[in-house]
């Protein structure tokens, strides 16, 4: 497991600063290493006895022709990377949002039962996934423009989550917001496969931070963001507490 997390961290560095050739090279090497490690884990899982798991289910799907070898490796990479980086960024963005909105922070401290609603609002207000790349299956008219079939489309989830036609006061953080039809976890066929885990991780982590760090507040140093439009996340969030 430490090897997997180390390789994933290298991959994240390359994504977060993709315009640097050195980071691209590091990311490529990390990806190759990750694929090799997954091949070893797959071989170990097939030869060892044990309880059923998601990994074993995916291996069986590959063995029955439902997945190719490349698709199996890609799915494992996606699950590991998405489950680590996106959850981390969700928590960081959420904590920053709370510290910038002390009224909402006080409300959550006094009504901890709002944590589930709060996480939903964090996903809408400043979620870790800001952009999706898709391909149009057919001609798609939007206003006066027709997106032709097979065109690549860049979808801005962050903009959709601030749409005033869908949300009242969209630029305001409201942890009691209901309904909250955000797109922070995607939609339809491409809805985030790890959505339940991401929500659970965020609920536990944020609640623990508020409980263990009374007087949590922003430090004088500003937050440090990754400079990539695809992923919204913090390199560092300097804080202080009582």
Protein backbone atom coordinates (compact mmCIF):
# COMPACT_ATOMS: atom_id res chain seq x y z
CA UNK A 1 0.00 0.00 0.00
CA UNK A 2 2.75 2.60 0.72
CA UNK A 3 4.12 1.95 -2.76
CA UNK A 4 0.69 2.59 -4.31
CA UNK A 5 0.20 5.85 -2.42
CA UNK A 6 3.69 7.07 -3.30
CA UNK A 7 3.12 6.38 -6.99
CA UNK A 8 -0.29 8.05 -6.85
CA UNK A 9 1.27 11.15 -5.27
CA UNK A 10 3.75 11.33 -8.15
CA UNK A 11 0.88 11.04 -10.65
CA UNK A 12 -0.97 13.85 -8.89
CA UNK A 13 2.06 16.13 -9.08
CA UNK A 14 2.25 15.61 -12.84
CA UNK A 15 -1.45 16.39 -13.30
CA UNK A 16 -1.40 19.44 -11.06
CA UNK A 17 1.56 20.98 -12.92
CA UNK A 18 1.24 19.36 -16.32
CA UNK A 19 2.87 22.32 -18.12
CA UNK A 20 6.24 21.38 -16.58
CA UNK A 21 8.08 18.75 -18.68
CA UNK A 22 9.85 17.39 -15.60
CA UNK A 23 6.56 16.74 -13.86
CA UNK A 24 5.15 15.10 -16.98
CA UNK A 25 8.13 12.75 -17.05
CA UNK A 26 7.71 11.98 -13.34
CA UNK A 27 4.03 11.30 -13.89
CA UNK A 28 4.70 8.97 -16.82
CA UNK A 29 7.22 6.98 -14.79
CA UNK A 30 4.81 6.81 -11.83
CA UNK A 31 2.00 5.59 -14.09
CA UNK A 32 4.20 2.83 -15.51
CA UNK A 33 5.21 1.83 -11.99
CA UNK A 34 1.61 1.86 -10.82
CA UNK A 35 0.49 -0.39 -13.69
CA UNK A 36 3.30 -2.84 -12.92
CA UNK A 37 2.36 -2.91 -9.23
CA UNK A 38 -1.29 -3.53 -10.12
CA UNK A 39 -0.26 -6.47 -12.33
CA UNK A 40 1.52 -7.95 -9.32
CA UNK A 41 -1.49 -7.36 -7.06
CA UNK A 42 -3.82 -8.99 -9.62
CA UNK A 43 -1.56 -12.05 -9.80
CA UNK A 44 -1.43 -12.26 -6.00
CA UNK A 45 -5.22 -11.95 -5.70
CA UNK A 46 -5.83 -14.73 -8.23
CA UNK A 47 -3.47 -17.14 -6.54
CA UNK A 48 -4.47 -16.45 -2.92
CA UNK A 49 -7.64 -17.49 -1.14
CA UNK A 50 -9.68 -14.87 0.63
CA UNK A 51 -12.98 -13.06 0.86
CA UNK A 52 -14.63 -11.45 -2.14
CA UNK A 53 -13.67 -7.86 -2.77
CA UNK A 54 -14.04 -5.21 -5.42
CA UNK A 55 -10.65 -6.25 -6.80
CA UNK A 56 -11.73 -9.88 -7.14
CA UNK A 57 -15.00 -8.82 -8.76
CA UNK A 58 -13.11 -6.77 -11.34
CA UNK A 59 -10.71 -9.65 -12.01
CA UNK A 60 -13.66 -12.00 -12.57
CA UNK A 61 -15.19 -9.47 -14.95
CA UNK A 62 -11.92 -9.49 -16.90
CA UNK A 63 -11.79 -13.31 -16.88
CA UNK A 64 -15.36 -13.48 -18.25
CA UNK A 65 -14.61 -11.05 -21.08
CA UNK A 66 -16.54 -8.11 -19.59
CA UNK A 67 -13.34 -6.08 -19.23
CA UNK A 68 -10.12 -6.12 -21.21
CA UNK A 69 -6.77 -6.21 -19.40
CA UNK A 70 -6.23 -2.51 -20.18
CA UNK A 71 -9.73 -1.65 -18.90
CA UNK A 72 -9.08 -3.55 -15.66
CA UNK A 73 -5.82 -1.67 -15.08
CA UNK A 74 -7.44 1.66 -15.99
CA UNK A 75 -10.32 1.02 -13.58
CA UNK A 76 -7.97 0.20 -10.71
CA UNK A 77 -5.91 3.33 -11.41
CA UNK A 78 -9.05 5.47 -11.51
CA UNK A 79 -10.36 4.04 -8.23
CA UNK A 80 -7.07 4.62 -6.43
CA UNK A 81 -6.35 8.07 -7.83
CA UNK A 82 -9.92 9.37 -7.64
CA UNK A 83 -10.41 8.02 -4.14
CA UNK A 84 -7.27 9.74 -2.86
CA UNK A 85 -6.85 13.07 -4.65
CA UNK A 86 -10.49 14.09 -5.06
CA UNK A 87 -11.42 13.28 -1.46
CA UNK A 88 -8.40 15.24 -0.23
CA UNK A 89 -9.35 18.25 -2.32
CA UNK A 90 -13.00 18.05 -1.24
CA UNK A 91 -12.00 18.23 2.43
CA UNK A 92 -9.51 21.05 1.88
CA UNK A 93 -11.96 23.16 -0.13
CA UNK A 94 -14.71 22.52 2.41
CA UNK A 95 -12.60 23.60 5.39
CA UNK A 96 -11.56 26.77 3.57
CA UNK A 97 -15.19 27.55 2.71
CA UNK A 98 -16.21 27.14 6.35
CA UNK A 99 -13.38 29.33 7.63
CA UNK A 100 -14.36 32.04 5.15
CA UNK A 101 -18.00 31.83 6.29
CA UNK A 102 -17.90 31.89 10.12
CA UNK A 103 -21.69 31.96 10.34
CA UNK A 104 -21.86 28.59 8.57
CA UNK A 105 -18.98 27.27 10.69
CA UNK A 106 -20.79 28.24 13.89
CA UNK A 107 -24.01 26.69 12.58
CA UNK A 108 -22.30 23.38 11.87
CA UNK A 109 -20.59 23.39 15.27
CA UNK A 110 -23.91 23.91 17.04
CA UNK A 111 -25.85 21.54 14.74
CA UNK A 112 -23.44 18.70 13.86
CA UNK A 113 -26.36 16.76 12.39
CA UNK A 114 -26.11 19.09 9.39
CA UNK A 115 -22.82 17.52 8.29
CA UNK A 116 -24.42 15.45 5.51
CA UNK A 117 -26.22 18.47 4.07
CA UNK A 118 -23.03 20.49 4.50
CA UNK A 119 -20.94 18.03 2.45
CA UNK A 120 -23.53 18.19 -0.33
CA UNK A 121 -23.22 21.98 -0.32
CA UNK A 122 -19.41 21.81 -0.33
CA UNK A 123 -19.59 19.67 -3.47
CA UNK A 124 -21.74 22.33 -5.11
CA UNK A 125 -20.04 25.44 -3.78
CA UNK A 126 -16.41 24.53 -4.48
CA UNK A 127 -16.08 20.90 -5.50
CA UNK A 128 -12.82 19.22 -6.52
CA UNK A 129 -14.04 18.37 -10.04
CA UNK A 130 -14.53 21.50 -12.13
CA UNK A 131 -14.27 20.28 -15.71
CA UNK A 132 -15.32 17.17 -17.66
CA UNK A 133 -14.40 16.24 -21.22
CA UNK A 134 -17.07 14.43 -23.23
CA UNK A 135 -17.88 13.60 -26.87
CA UNK A 136 -21.26 14.49 -28.41
CA UNK A 137 -23.14 11.38 -29.61
CA UNK A 138 -25.37 13.38 -31.95
CA UNK A 139 -25.99 16.97 -33.08
CA UNK A 140 -26.97 18.95 -30.01
CA UNK A 141 -28.61 22.38 -30.31
CA UNK A 142 -27.98 24.75 -27.38
CA UNK A 143 -29.44 28.21 -27.92
CA UNK A 144 -28.25 29.48 -31.28
CA UNK A 145 -25.36 27.01 -31.47
CA UNK A 146 -25.36 23.41 -32.68
CA UNK A 147 -22.68 21.12 -31.24
CA UNK A 148 -21.98 18.63 -34.05
CA UNK A 149 -21.94 14.90 -33.50
CA UNK A 150 -18.54 13.50 -32.45
CA UNK A 151 -17.33 16.92 -31.26
CA UNK A 152 -15.35 17.06 -28.05
CA UNK A 153 -17.16 19.10 -25.41
CA UNK A 154 -15.68 20.71 -22.32
CA UNK A 155 -18.29 20.77 -19.54
CA UNK A 156 -17.79 23.30 -16.75
CA UNK A 157 -19.26 21.71 -13.62
CA UNK A 158 -18.24 24.65 -11.46
CA UNK A 159 -20.30 27.02 -13.60
CA UNK A 160 -23.30 24.68 -13.62
CA UNK A 161 -23.18 24.50 -9.82
CA UNK A 162 -23.44 28.31 -9.65
CA UNK A 163 -26.30 28.56 -12.18
CA UNK A 164 -28.84 31.10 -10.84
CA UNK A 165 -31.57 29.31 -12.80
CA UNK A 166 -30.98 26.20 -10.68
CA UNK A 167 -29.90 27.63 -7.32
CA UNK A 168 -31.11 30.53 -5.21
CA UNK A 169 -28.19 32.78 -4.22
CA UNK A 170 -25.74 30.43 -5.96
CA UNK A 171 -22.62 32.28 -4.79
CA UNK A 172 -23.57 31.91 -1.12
CA UNK A 173 -22.51 28.98 1.04
CA UNK A 174 -25.62 27.53 2.69
CA UNK A 175 -25.14 24.20 4.48
CA UNK A 176 -28.92 23.91 4.93
CA UNK A 177 -29.61 24.25 1.17
CA UNK A 178 -32.47 22.04 -0.01
CA UNK A 179 -33.00 20.87 -2.64
CA UNK A 180 -29.46 20.84 -3.90
CA UNK A 181 -29.27 19.30 -7.41
CA UNK A 182 -25.53 19.88 -7.82
CA UNK A 183 -23.32 18.18 -10.41
CA UNK A 184 -20.22 17.94 -8.24
CA UNK A 185 -20.20 14.15 -8.58
CA UNK A 186 -21.20 14.03 -12.21
CA UNK A 187 -24.46 12.71 -13.63
CA UNK A 188 -25.98 9.71 -15.36
CA UNK A 189 -23.69 6.99 -16.71
CA UNK A 190 -20.58 8.86 -15.54
CA UNK A 191 -21.78 9.52 -11.98
CA UNK A 192 -18.84 9.15 -9.59
CA UNK A 193 -18.39 5.47 -8.71
CA UNK A 194 -16.86 6.49 -5.37
CA UNK A 195 -19.54 9.04 -4.43
CA UNK A 196 -20.64 7.26 -1.25
CA UNK A 197 -17.06 6.81 -0.07
CA UNK A 198 -16.17 10.44 -0.83
CA UNK A 199 -19.17 11.69 1.15
CA UNK A 200 -18.33 9.40 4.08
CA UNK A 201 -14.67 10.46 4.14
CA UNK A 202 -15.61 14.14 4.05
CA UNK A 203 -18.24 13.79 6.80
CA UNK A 204 -15.86 11.97 9.15
CA UNK A 205 -12.83 14.20 8.48
CA UNK A 206 -14.60 17.55 8.71
CA UNK A 207 -16.52 16.56 11.84
CA UNK A 208 -13.28 15.36 13.48
CA UNK A 209 -11.47 18.60 12.61
CA UNK A 210 -14.19 20.75 14.14
CA UNK A 211 -14.29 18.57 17.23
CA UNK A 212 -10.55 18.34 17.85
CA UNK A 213 -9.45 21.85 16.83
CA UNK A 214 -11.52 24.45 18.69
CA UNK A 215 -11.05 27.98 17.50
CA UNK A 216 -9.94 26.78 14.06
CA UNK A 217 -9.26 29.82 11.88
CA UNK A 218 -7.29 30.94 8.85
CA UNK A 219 -3.65 31.84 9.41
CA UNK A 220 -2.13 34.99 7.97
CA UNK A 221 -0.50 33.16 5.05
CA UNK A 222 -2.90 32.79 2.08
CA UNK A 223 -4.13 29.42 0.77
CA UNK A 224 -1.92 27.90 -1.92
CA UNK A 225 -3.86 26.49 -4.91
CA UNK A 226 -2.86 24.08 -7.62
CA UNK A 227 -2.76 26.06 -10.85
CA UNK A 228 -4.79 23.66 -13.00
CA UNK A 229 -8.35 24.39 -14.20
CA UNK A 230 -9.40 20.74 -14.35
CA UNK A 231 -8.92 20.02 -10.65
CA UNK A 232 -9.80 22.42 -7.86
CA UNK A 233 -7.58 21.76 -4.88
CA UNK A 234 -5.20 23.22 -2.34
CA UNK A 235 -1.49 22.57 -2.07
CA UNK A 236 -1.61 24.02 1.44
CA UNK A 237 -4.12 25.68 3.75
CA UNK A 238 -2.33 27.48 6.63
CA UNK A 239 -4.56 27.51 9.73
CA UNK A 240 -4.36 28.20 13.45
CA UNK A 241 -6.49 27.09 16.36
CA UNK A 242 -6.98 27.78 20.04
